[in-house]
């Protein structure tokens, strides 16, 4: 009987060692893949790093492969990369988001306060990878390609907050967000132009609390805008644009929690240009 229990114990021990070895191998593969993607981002998107902000981002022979030890990288308890914070890093380059959105567990991405510009490679519509981002902050850079906004809106289905303010984004707003969890959208201080689509605000999720379109070149009749089910909206700004109109939209009354409505400066023919309650 004793020998039987010893045999069962040895079998369980061997099984445990096999599973543990496989788990470690899979973990190493995951770590290697994440390290490779982050290194690709550094090589492709960063052309200048005068502060050596990414100095310990080294992947290859003789280097530590675990990106959880790299500056700006945060990981979950199981070792997967969940956050990247490179804000105010003094980085210059042409932003390519595909290498970062390919990180399947990346939830928070902060790149604000750098000098990233954009080109045709900012995002690729042919990319098969999804996007798990919940928070994206690209504010205060030099990004001009507005397709990056369309990409994020259409691909990042769990997005909660997006801030691309203080860039040089130009063109039209073509895509409404696909995420039903979105609470904050800040597109202010860019070069967006053309008329705001009548149903653009109404097409935003009911979860939205903060919408800032200020300091662009938007045009259109404010009184014709539809606000839809805006019961959670607390802040809305469309100031410093070329908006006209002679009255407030009827659907604005749906925004029961609205605290700040900013229509100041370039808004024409509207008597009340700033309302704060």
C-alpha atoms as a PDB file:
ATOM      1  CA  UNK A   1       0.000   0.000   0.000  1.00  0.00           C
ATOM      2  CA  UNK A   2       2.832   2.327   0.928  1.00  0.00           C
ATOM      3  CA  UNK A   3       4.583   1.638  -2.359  1.00  0.00           C
ATOM      4  CA  UNK A   4       1.373   2.438  -4.235  1.00  0.00           C
ATOM      5  CA  UNK A   5       1.091   5.848  -2.594  1.00  0.00           C
ATOM      6  CA  UNK A   6       4.751   6.542  -3.298  1.00  0.00           C
ATOM      7  CA  UNK A   7       4.160   5.675  -6.947  1.00  0.00           C
ATOM      8  CA  UNK A   8       1.129   8.002  -7.164  1.00  0.00           C
ATOM      9  CA  UNK A   9       3.114  10.767  -5.502  1.00  0.00           C
ATOM     10  CA  UNK A  10       5.950  10.392  -7.989  1.00  0.00           C
ATOM     11  CA  UNK A  11       3.472  10.449 -10.883  1.00  0.00           C
ATOM     12  CA  UNK A  12       1.889  13.642  -9.593  1.00  0.00           C
ATOM     13  CA  UNK A  13       5.309  15.195  -9.068  1.00  0.00           C
ATOM     14  CA  UNK A  14       6.379  14.381 -12.624  1.00  0.00           C
ATOM     15  CA  UNK A  15       3.085  15.753 -13.968  1.00  0.00           C
ATOM     16  CA  UNK A  16       3.554  18.947 -11.981  1.00  0.00           C
ATOM     17  CA  UNK A  17       7.092  19.390 -13.285  1.00  0.00           C
ATOM     18  CA  UNK A  18       5.935  18.877 -16.880  1.00  0.00           C
ATOM     19  CA  UNK A  19       3.098  21.411 -16.530  1.00  0.00           C
ATOM     20  CA  UNK A  20       5.397  23.859 -14.764  1.00  0.00           C
ATOM     21  CA  UNK A  21       8.043  23.508 -17.468  1.00  0.00           C
ATOM     22  CA  UNK A  22       5.470  24.077 -20.205  1.00  0.00           C
ATOM     23  CA  UNK A  23       4.091  27.081 -18.338  1.00  0.00           C
ATOM     24  CA  UNK A  24       7.537  28.570 -17.974  1.00  0.00           C
ATOM     25  CA  UNK A  25       8.250  27.949 -21.639  1.00  0.00           C
ATOM     26  CA  UNK A  26       4.982  29.640 -22.655  1.00  0.00           C
ATOM     27  CA  UNK A  27       5.732  32.510 -20.310  1.00  0.00           C
ATOM     28  CA  UNK A  28       9.156  32.924 -21.875  1.00  0.00           C
ATOM     29  CA  UNK A  29       7.573  32.904 -25.329  1.00  0.00           C
ATOM     30  CA  UNK A  30       5.058  35.586 -24.260  1.00  0.00           C
ATOM     31  CA  UNK A  31       7.813  37.689 -22.703  1.00  0.00           C
ATOM     32  CA  UNK A  32       9.972  37.340 -25.811  1.00  0.00           C
ATOM     33  CA  UNK A  33       7.086  38.377 -28.064  1.00  0.00           C
ATOM     34  CA  UNK A  34       6.275  41.434 -25.941  1.00  0.00           C
ATOM     35  CA  UNK A  35       9.928  42.411 -25.721  1.00  0.00           C
ATOM     36  CA  UNK A  36      10.245  42.079 -29.503  1.00  0.00           C
ATOM     37  CA  UNK A  37       7.180  44.287 -30.117  1.00  0.00           C
ATOM     38  CA  UNK A  38       8.395  46.983 -27.721  1.00  0.00           C
ATOM     39  CA  UNK A  39      11.853  46.874 -29.270  1.00  0.00           C
ATOM     40  CA  UNK A  40      10.294  47.191 -32.735  1.00  0.00           C
ATOM     41  CA  UNK A  41       8.398  50.270 -31.522  1.00  0.00           C
ATOM     42  CA  UNK A  42      11.653  51.787 -30.273  1.00  0.00           C
ATOM     43  CA  UNK A  43      13.505  51.034 -33.492  1.00  0.00           C
ATOM     44  CA  UNK A  44      10.737  52.140 -35.874  1.00  0.00           C
ATOM     45  CA  UNK A  45       9.072  55.022 -34.030  1.00  0.00           C
ATOM     46  CA  UNK A  46      11.884  56.623 -32.023  1.00  0.00           C
ATOM     47  CA  UNK A  47      14.567  58.403 -34.005  1.00  0.00           C
ATOM     48  CA  UNK A  48      15.957  60.500 -31.168  1.00  0.00           C
ATOM     49  CA  UNK A  49      16.146  59.851 -27.421  1.00  0.00           C
ATOM     50  CA  UNK A  50      18.389  62.637 -26.052  1.00  0.00           C
ATOM     51  CA  UNK A  51      17.506  61.855 -22.434  1.00  0.00           C
ATOM     52  CA  UNK A  52      18.234  58.138 -22.868  1.00  0.00           C
ATOM     53  CA  UNK A  53      14.693  57.534 -21.633  1.00  0.00           C
ATOM     54  CA  UNK A  54      14.611  54.102 -23.269  1.00  0.00           C
ATOM     55  CA  UNK A  55      18.192  53.300 -22.392  1.00  0.00           C
ATOM     56  CA  UNK A  56      17.424  49.950 -20.774  1.00  0.00           C
ATOM     57  CA  UNK A  57      15.118  48.768 -23.563  1.00  0.00           C
ATOM     58  CA  UNK A  58      17.540  46.138 -24.816  1.00  0.00           C
ATOM     59  CA  UNK A  59      16.431  42.870 -26.368  1.00  0.00           C
ATOM     60  CA  UNK A  60      18.764  40.319 -27.804  1.00  0.00           C
ATOM     61  CA  UNK A  61      21.760  38.192 -26.954  1.00  0.00           C
ATOM     62  CA  UNK A  62      23.301  39.098 -23.632  1.00  0.00           C
ATOM     63  CA  UNK A  63      20.416  41.358 -22.536  1.00  0.00           C
ATOM     64  CA  UNK A  64      17.621  40.950 -20.014  1.00  0.00           C
ATOM     65  CA  UNK A  65      14.543  39.917 -21.979  1.00  0.00           C
ATOM     66  CA  UNK A  66      11.888  40.733 -19.381  1.00  0.00           C
ATOM     67  CA  UNK A  67      10.270  44.043 -20.443  1.00  0.00           C
ATOM     68  CA  UNK A  68       8.656  44.410 -17.001  1.00  0.00           C
ATOM     69  CA  UNK A  69      12.013  45.779 -15.831  1.00  0.00           C
ATOM     70  CA  UNK A  70      12.183  48.365 -18.614  1.00  0.00           C
ATOM     71  CA  UNK A  71      11.527  52.024 -17.922  1.00  0.00           C
ATOM     72  CA  UNK A  72       7.915  53.069 -18.430  1.00  0.00           C
ATOM     73  CA  UNK A  73       6.609  49.493 -18.701  1.00  0.00           C
ATOM     74  CA  UNK A  74       4.136  48.126 -16.164  1.00  0.00           C
ATOM     75  CA  UNK A  75       2.992  44.528 -15.894  1.00  0.00           C
ATOM     76  CA  UNK A  76       0.312  42.456 -14.224  1.00  0.00           C
ATOM     77  CA  UNK A  77       1.142  39.916 -11.538  1.00  0.00           C
ATOM     78  CA  UNK A  78       1.393  37.193 -14.186  1.00  0.00           C
ATOM     79  CA  UNK A  79       4.090  39.153 -16.015  1.00  0.00           C
ATOM     80  CA  UNK A  80       2.183  40.383 -19.081  1.00  0.00           C
ATOM     81  CA  UNK A  81       2.613  43.991 -20.205  1.00  0.00           C
ATOM     82  CA  UNK A  82      -0.460  46.049 -19.328  1.00  0.00           C
ATOM     83  CA  UNK A  83       0.781  49.642 -19.344  1.00  0.00           C
ATOM     84  CA  UNK A  84       3.258  51.923 -21.077  1.00  0.00           C
ATOM     85  CA  UNK A  85       4.038  55.386 -19.718  1.00  0.00           C
ATOM     86  CA  UNK A  86       6.509  57.391 -21.817  1.00  0.00           C
ATOM     87  CA  UNK A  87       5.053  60.822 -21.064  1.00  0.00           C
ATOM     88  CA  UNK A  88       7.466  63.766 -21.290  1.00  0.00           C
ATOM     89  CA  UNK A  89      10.280  61.462 -22.314  1.00  0.00           C
ATOM     90  CA  UNK A  90      11.777  63.887 -24.849  1.00  0.00           C
ATOM     91  CA  UNK A  91      11.281  61.309 -27.590  1.00  0.00           C
ATOM     92  CA  UNK A  92      11.237  62.275 -31.265  1.00  0.00           C
ATOM     93  CA  UNK A  93      10.099  60.129 -34.147  1.00  0.00           C
ATOM     94  CA  UNK A  94       7.321  58.977 -36.443  1.00  0.00           C
ATOM     95  CA  UNK A  95       4.658  57.214 -34.432  1.00  0.00           C
ATOM     96  CA  UNK A  96       3.709  53.679 -35.402  1.00  0.00           C
ATOM     97  CA  UNK A  97       0.942  52.381 -33.152  1.00  0.00           C
ATOM     98  CA  UNK A  98       0.693  48.901 -34.643  1.00  0.00           C
ATOM     99  CA  UNK A  99       3.631  47.556 -32.642  1.00  0.00           C
ATOM    100  CA  UNK A 100       1.943  48.686 -29.428  1.00  0.00           C
ATOM    101  CA  UNK A 101      -1.670  47.714 -30.132  1.00  0.00           C
ATOM    102  CA  UNK A 102      -0.335  44.266 -31.023  1.00  0.00           C
ATOM    103  CA  UNK A 103       0.419  43.860 -27.308  1.00  0.00           C
ATOM    104  CA  UNK A 104      -2.722  41.901 -26.508  1.00  0.00           C
ATOM    105  CA  UNK A 105      -2.880  42.905 -22.828  1.00  0.00           C
ATOM    106  CA  UNK A 106      -1.871  46.562 -23.136  1.00  0.00           C
ATOM    107  CA  UNK A 107      -4.561  48.632 -21.408  1.00  0.00           C
ATOM    108  CA  UNK A 108      -2.965  52.023 -20.698  1.00  0.00           C
ATOM    109  CA  UNK A 109      -0.794  53.968 -23.147  1.00  0.00           C
ATOM    110  CA  UNK A 110       0.614  57.396 -22.276  1.00  0.00           C
ATOM    111  CA  UNK A 111       2.795  59.071 -24.918  1.00  0.00           C
ATOM    112  CA  UNK A 112       1.941  62.710 -24.228  1.00  0.00           C
ATOM    113  CA  UNK A 113       4.498  65.487 -24.109  1.00  0.00           C
ATOM    114  CA  UNK A 114       6.890  64.090 -26.725  1.00  0.00           C
ATOM    115  CA  UNK A 115       7.637  65.050 -30.330  1.00  0.00           C
ATOM    116  CA  UNK A 116       6.041  62.219 -32.224  1.00  0.00           C
ATOM    117  CA  UNK A 117       4.896  63.089 -35.716  1.00  0.00           C
ATOM    118  CA  UNK A 118       2.934  60.856 -38.037  1.00  0.00           C
ATOM    119  CA  UNK A 119       2.971  59.627 -41.551  1.00  0.00           C
ATOM    120  CA  UNK A 120       1.472  56.841 -43.607  1.00  0.00           C
ATOM    121  CA  UNK A 121       2.859  54.315 -41.124  1.00  0.00           C
ATOM    122  CA  UNK A 122       1.064  55.663 -38.042  1.00  0.00           C
ATOM    123  CA  UNK A 123      -1.464  52.870 -38.308  1.00  0.00           C
ATOM    124  CA  UNK A 124      -2.084  50.191 -40.859  1.00  0.00           C
ATOM    125  CA  UNK A 125      -5.594  49.256 -41.901  1.00  0.00           C
ATOM    126  CA  UNK A 126      -4.219  45.879 -42.952  1.00  0.00           C
ATOM    127  CA  UNK A 127      -3.068  45.067 -39.442  1.00  0.00           C
ATOM    128  CA  UNK A 128      -4.817  41.941 -38.201  1.00  0.00           C
ATOM    129  CA  UNK A 129      -4.152  42.632 -34.531  1.00  0.00           C
ATOM    130  CA  UNK A 130      -6.881  43.955 -32.320  1.00  0.00           C
ATOM    131  CA  UNK A 131      -6.622  46.689 -29.730  1.00  0.00           C
ATOM    132  CA  UNK A 132      -7.113  46.191 -26.000  1.00  0.00           C
ATOM    133  CA  UNK A 133      -6.471  49.795 -24.999  1.00  0.00           C
ATOM    134  CA  UNK A 134      -8.691  51.392 -22.378  1.00  0.00           C
ATOM    135  CA  UNK A 135      -6.757  54.634 -21.918  1.00  0.00           C
ATOM    136  CA  UNK A 136      -4.868  56.401 -24.720  1.00  0.00           C
ATOM    137  CA  UNK A 137      -3.121  59.750 -24.320  1.00  0.00           C
ATOM    138  CA  UNK A 138      -1.230  61.124 -27.338  1.00  0.00           C
ATOM    139  CA  UNK A 139      -1.664  64.780 -26.385  1.00  0.00           C
ATOM    140  CA  UNK A 140       0.992  67.452 -26.910  1.00  0.00           C
ATOM    141  CA  UNK A 141       2.837  65.855 -29.802  1.00  0.00           C
ATOM    142  CA  UNK A 142       3.190  66.773 -33.492  1.00  0.00           C
ATOM    143  CA  UNK A 143       0.774  64.231 -34.973  1.00  0.00           C
ATOM    144  CA  UNK A 144      -0.922  65.295 -38.222  1.00  0.00           C
ATOM    145  CA  UNK A 145      -2.531  62.113 -39.563  1.00  0.00           C
ATOM    146  CA  UNK A 146      -6.163  62.066 -38.400  1.00  0.00           C
ATOM    147  CA  UNK A 147      -6.553  58.453 -39.527  1.00  0.00           C
ATOM    148  CA  UNK A 148      -5.007  57.557 -36.195  1.00  0.00           C
ATOM    149  CA  UNK A 149      -8.246  58.755 -34.556  1.00  0.00           C
ATOM    150  CA  UNK A 150     -10.376  56.709 -36.968  1.00  0.00           C
ATOM    151  CA  UNK A 151      -8.223  53.657 -36.256  1.00  0.00           C
ATOM    152  CA  UNK A 152      -8.532  54.007 -32.479  1.00  0.00           C
ATOM    153  CA  UNK A 153     -12.269  54.718 -32.617  1.00  0.00           C
ATOM    154  CA  UNK A 154     -13.013  51.730 -34.835  1.00  0.00           C
ATOM    155  CA  UNK A 155     -10.545  49.183 -33.415  1.00  0.00           C
ATOM    156  CA  UNK A 156     -10.240  49.780 -29.673  1.00  0.00           C
ATOM    157  CA  UNK A 157     -13.511  48.284 -28.480  1.00  0.00           C
ATOM    158  CA  UNK A 158     -12.809  48.707 -24.755  1.00  0.00           C
ATOM    159  CA  UNK A 159     -11.672  52.319 -24.930  1.00  0.00           C
ATOM    160  CA  UNK A 160     -12.614  54.427 -21.897  1.00  0.00           C
ATOM    161  CA  UNK A 161     -10.575  57.596 -22.420  1.00  0.00           C
ATOM    162  CA  UNK A 162      -8.822  59.093 -25.446  1.00  0.00           C
ATOM    163  CA  UNK A 163      -6.878  62.358 -25.498  1.00  0.00           C
ATOM    164  CA  UNK A 164      -5.230  63.576 -28.704  1.00  0.00           C
ATOM    165  CA  UNK A 165      -5.373  67.278 -27.856  1.00  0.00           C
ATOM    166  CA  UNK A 166      -2.628  69.775 -28.727  1.00  0.00           C
ATOM    167  CA  UNK A 167      -1.459  68.093 -31.913  1.00  0.00           C
ATOM    168  CA  UNK A 168      -1.814  69.099 -35.571  1.00  0.00           C
ATOM    169  CA  UNK A 169      -4.527  66.666 -36.576  1.00  0.00           C
ATOM    170  CA  UNK A 170      -6.349  67.894 -39.664  1.00  0.00           C
ATOM    171  CA  UNK A 171      -9.305  66.836 -41.789  1.00  0.00           C
ATOM    172  CA  UNK A 172     -12.763  65.542 -40.964  1.00  0.00           C
ATOM    173  CA  UNK A 173     -14.135  63.390 -38.184  1.00  0.00           C
ATOM    174  CA  UNK A 174     -15.136  60.305 -40.145  1.00  0.00           C
ATOM    175  CA  UNK A 175     -15.609  57.580 -37.556  1.00  0.00           C
ATOM    176  CA  UNK A 176     -17.621  57.313 -34.344  1.00  0.00           C
ATOM    177  CA  UNK A 177     -16.197  55.292 -31.450  1.00  0.00           C
ATOM    178  CA  UNK A 178     -17.099  51.611 -31.320  1.00  0.00           C
ATOM    179  CA  UNK A 179     -16.548  51.329 -27.578  1.00  0.00           C
ATOM    180  CA  UNK A 180     -19.643  51.438 -25.383  1.00  0.00           C
ATOM    181  CA  UNK A 181     -17.507  52.240 -22.319  1.00  0.00           C
ATOM    182  CA  UNK A 182     -16.138  55.577 -23.481  1.00  0.00           C
ATOM    183  CA  UNK A 183     -16.268  58.399 -20.922  1.00  0.00           C
ATOM    184  CA  UNK A 184     -13.731  60.967 -22.186  1.00  0.00           C
ATOM    185  CA  UNK A 185     -12.920  62.278 -25.666  1.00  0.00           C
ATOM    186  CA  UNK A 186     -10.552  65.239 -26.005  1.00  0.00           C
ATOM    187  CA  UNK A 187      -9.845  66.365 -29.584  1.00  0.00           C
ATOM    188  CA  UNK A 188      -9.193  69.999 -28.669  1.00  0.00           C
ATOM    189  CA  UNK A 189      -6.438  72.261 -30.024  1.00  0.00           C
ATOM    190  CA  UNK A 190      -5.990  70.608 -33.391  1.00  0.00           C
ATOM    191  CA  UNK A 191      -6.770  71.527 -37.002  1.00  0.00           C
ATOM    192  CA  UNK A 192      -9.937  69.472 -37.553  1.00  0.00           C
ATOM    193  CA  UNK A 193     -12.234  71.193 -40.038  1.00  0.00           C
ATOM    194  CA  UNK A 194     -15.465  70.914 -42.015  1.00  0.00           C
ATOM    195  CA  UNK A 195     -18.940  70.655 -40.530  1.00  0.00           C
ATOM    196  CA  UNK A 196     -19.579  68.607 -37.438  1.00  0.00           C
ATOM    197  CA  UNK A 197     -21.934  65.882 -38.547  1.00  0.00           C
ATOM    198  CA  UNK A 198     -25.424  66.483 -37.178  1.00  0.00           C
ATOM    199  CA  UNK A 199     -25.528  63.031 -35.583  1.00  0.00           C
ATOM    200  CA  UNK A 200     -21.883  62.857 -34.469  1.00  0.00           C
ATOM    201  CA  UNK A 201     -22.552  63.623 -30.793  1.00  0.00           C
ATOM    202  CA  UNK A 202     -25.699  61.489 -30.768  1.00  0.00           C
ATOM    203  CA  UNK A 203     -23.668  58.553 -32.113  1.00  0.00           C
ATOM    204  CA  UNK A 204     -21.319  58.665 -29.134  1.00  0.00           C
ATOM    205  CA  UNK A 205     -21.981  56.123 -26.368  1.00  0.00           C
ATOM    206  CA  UNK A 206     -24.348  57.038 -23.536  1.00  0.00           C
ATOM    207  CA  UNK A 207     -21.453  56.527 -21.102  1.00  0.00           C
ATOM    208  CA  UNK A 208     -19.711  59.700 -22.356  1.00  0.00           C
ATOM    209  CA  UNK A 209     -19.030  62.314 -19.664  1.00  0.00           C
ATOM    210  CA  UNK A 210     -16.479  64.688 -21.212  1.00  0.00           C
ATOM    211  CA  UNK A 211     -16.344  65.865 -24.842  1.00  0.00           C
ATOM    212  CA  UNK A 212     -13.905  68.600 -25.848  1.00  0.00           C
ATOM    213  CA  UNK A 213     -13.790  69.786 -29.481  1.00  0.00           C
ATOM    214  CA  UNK A 214     -12.453  73.272 -28.689  1.00  0.00           C
ATOM    215  CA  UNK A 215      -9.874  75.227 -30.692  1.00  0.00           C
ATOM    216  CA  UNK A 216     -10.292  73.591 -34.073  1.00  0.00           C
ATOM    217  CA  UNK A 217     -11.785  74.781 -37.359  1.00  0.00           C
ATOM    218  CA  UNK A 218     -15.135  73.039 -37.089  1.00  0.00           C
ATOM    219  CA  UNK A 219     -18.127  74.708 -38.715  1.00  0.00           C
ATOM    220  CA  UNK A 220     -21.850  74.045 -38.780  1.00  0.00           C
ATOM    221  CA  UNK A 221     -25.095  75.099 -37.175  1.00  0.00           C
ATOM    222  CA  UNK A 222     -25.028  74.396 -33.459  1.00  0.00           C
ATOM    223  CA  UNK A 223     -28.807  74.479 -33.228  1.00  0.00           C
ATOM    224  CA  UNK A 224     -29.034  71.492 -35.615  1.00  0.00           C
ATOM    225  CA  UNK A 225     -26.739  69.208 -33.626  1.00  0.00           C
ATOM    226  CA  UNK A 226     -28.336  66.127 -32.113  1.00  0.00           C
ATOM    227  CA  UNK A 227     -27.215  65.199 -28.601  1.00  0.00           C
ATOM    228  CA  UNK A 228     -29.075  61.915 -28.395  1.00  0.00           C
ATOM    229  CA  UNK A 229     -28.987  60.076 -25.078  1.00  0.00           C
ATOM    230  CA  UNK A 230     -26.461  62.290 -23.314  1.00  0.00           C
ATOM    231  CA  UNK A 231     -27.620  61.638 -19.765  1.00  0.00           C
ATOM    232  CA  UNK A 232     -24.057  61.242 -18.424  1.00  0.00           C
ATOM    233  CA  UNK A 233     -22.481  64.179 -20.256  1.00  0.00           C
ATOM    234  CA  UNK A 234     -21.092  66.735 -17.766  1.00  0.00           C
ATOM    235  CA  UNK A 235     -18.664  68.766 -19.911  1.00  0.00           C
ATOM    236  CA  UNK A 236     -19.052  69.804 -23.555  1.00  0.00           C
ATOM    237  CA  UNK A 237     -16.857  72.381 -25.257  1.00  0.00           C
ATOM    238  CA  UNK A 238     -16.911  73.483 -28.861  1.00  0.00           C
ATOM    239  CA  UNK A 239     -15.384  76.913 -28.223  1.00  0.00           C
ATOM    240  CA  UNK A 240     -12.906  78.619 -30.571  1.00  0.00           C
ATOM    241  CA  UNK A 241     -14.433  77.140 -33.708  1.00  0.00           C
ATOM    242  CA  UNK A 242     -16.494  78.548 -36.578  1.00  0.00           C
ATOM    243  CA  UNK A 243     -19.837  77.358 -35.288  1.00  0.00           C
ATOM    244  CA  UNK A 244     -22.958  79.396 -35.960  1.00  0.00           C
ATOM    245  CA  UNK A 245     -26.573  79.191 -34.888  1.00  0.00           C
ATOM    246  CA  UNK A 246     -29.297  81.205 -33.215  1.00  0.00           C
ATOM    247  CA  UNK A 247     -30.645  78.798 -30.612  1.00  0.00           C
ATOM    248  CA  UNK A 248     -29.815  75.748 -28.548  1.00  0.00           C
ATOM    249  CA  UNK A 249     -30.693  72.272 -29.829  1.00  0.00           C
ATOM    250  CA  UNK A 250     -33.847  70.794 -28.327  1.00  0.00           C
ATOM    251  CA  UNK A 251     -32.038  67.513 -27.599  1.00  0.00           C
ATOM    252  CA  UNK A 252     -29.575  69.379 -25.375  1.00  0.00           C
ATOM    253  CA  UNK A 253     -32.232  69.082 -22.670  1.00  0.00           C
ATOM    254  CA  UNK A 254     -31.461  65.354 -22.542  1.00  0.00           C
ATOM    255  CA  UNK A 255     -28.105  66.148 -20.948  1.00  0.00           C
ATOM    256  CA  UNK A 256     -29.428  66.258 -17.398  1.00  0.00           C
ATOM    257  CA  UNK A 257     -26.012  66.194 -15.741  1.00  0.00           C
ATOM    258  CA  UNK A 258     -24.395  68.861 -17.930  1.00  0.00           C
ATOM    259  CA  UNK A 259     -22.297  71.215 -15.781  1.00  0.00           C
ATOM    260  CA  UNK A 260     -20.152  73.020 -18.354  1.00  0.00           C
ATOM    261  CA  UNK A 261     -21.207  74.091 -21.841  1.00  0.00           C
ATOM    262  CA  UNK A 262     -18.548  76.195 -23.535  1.00  0.00           C
ATOM    263  CA  UNK A 263     -19.427  77.852 -26.858  1.00  0.00           C
ATOM    264  CA  UNK A 264     -17.213  80.895 -26.491  1.00  0.00           C
ATOM    265  CA  UNK A 265     -15.146  83.023 -28.827  1.00  0.00           C
ATOM    266  CA  UNK A 266     -15.687  82.092 -32.495  1.00  0.00           C
ATOM    267  CA  UNK A 267     -19.265  80.865 -32.068  1.00  0.00           C
ATOM    268  CA  UNK A 268     -21.462  83.262 -34.012  1.00  0.00           C
ATOM    269  CA  UNK A 269     -25.006  84.558 -33.432  1.00  0.00           C
ATOM    270  CA  UNK A 270     -25.652  82.652 -30.191  1.00  0.00           C
ATOM    271  CA  UNK A 271     -26.665  84.954 -27.381  1.00  0.00           C
ATOM    272  CA  UNK A 272     -25.442  82.765 -24.494  1.00  0.00           C
ATOM    273  CA  UNK A 273     -21.909  81.828 -25.372  1.00  0.00           C
ATOM    274  CA  UNK A 274     -20.909  80.332 -22.062  1.00  0.00           C
ATOM    275  CA  UNK A 275     -23.108  78.412 -19.685  1.00  0.00           C
ATOM    276  CA  UNK A 276     -21.884  76.943 -16.410  1.00  0.00           C
ATOM    277  CA  UNK A 277     -24.360  75.471 -13.933  1.00  0.00           C
END
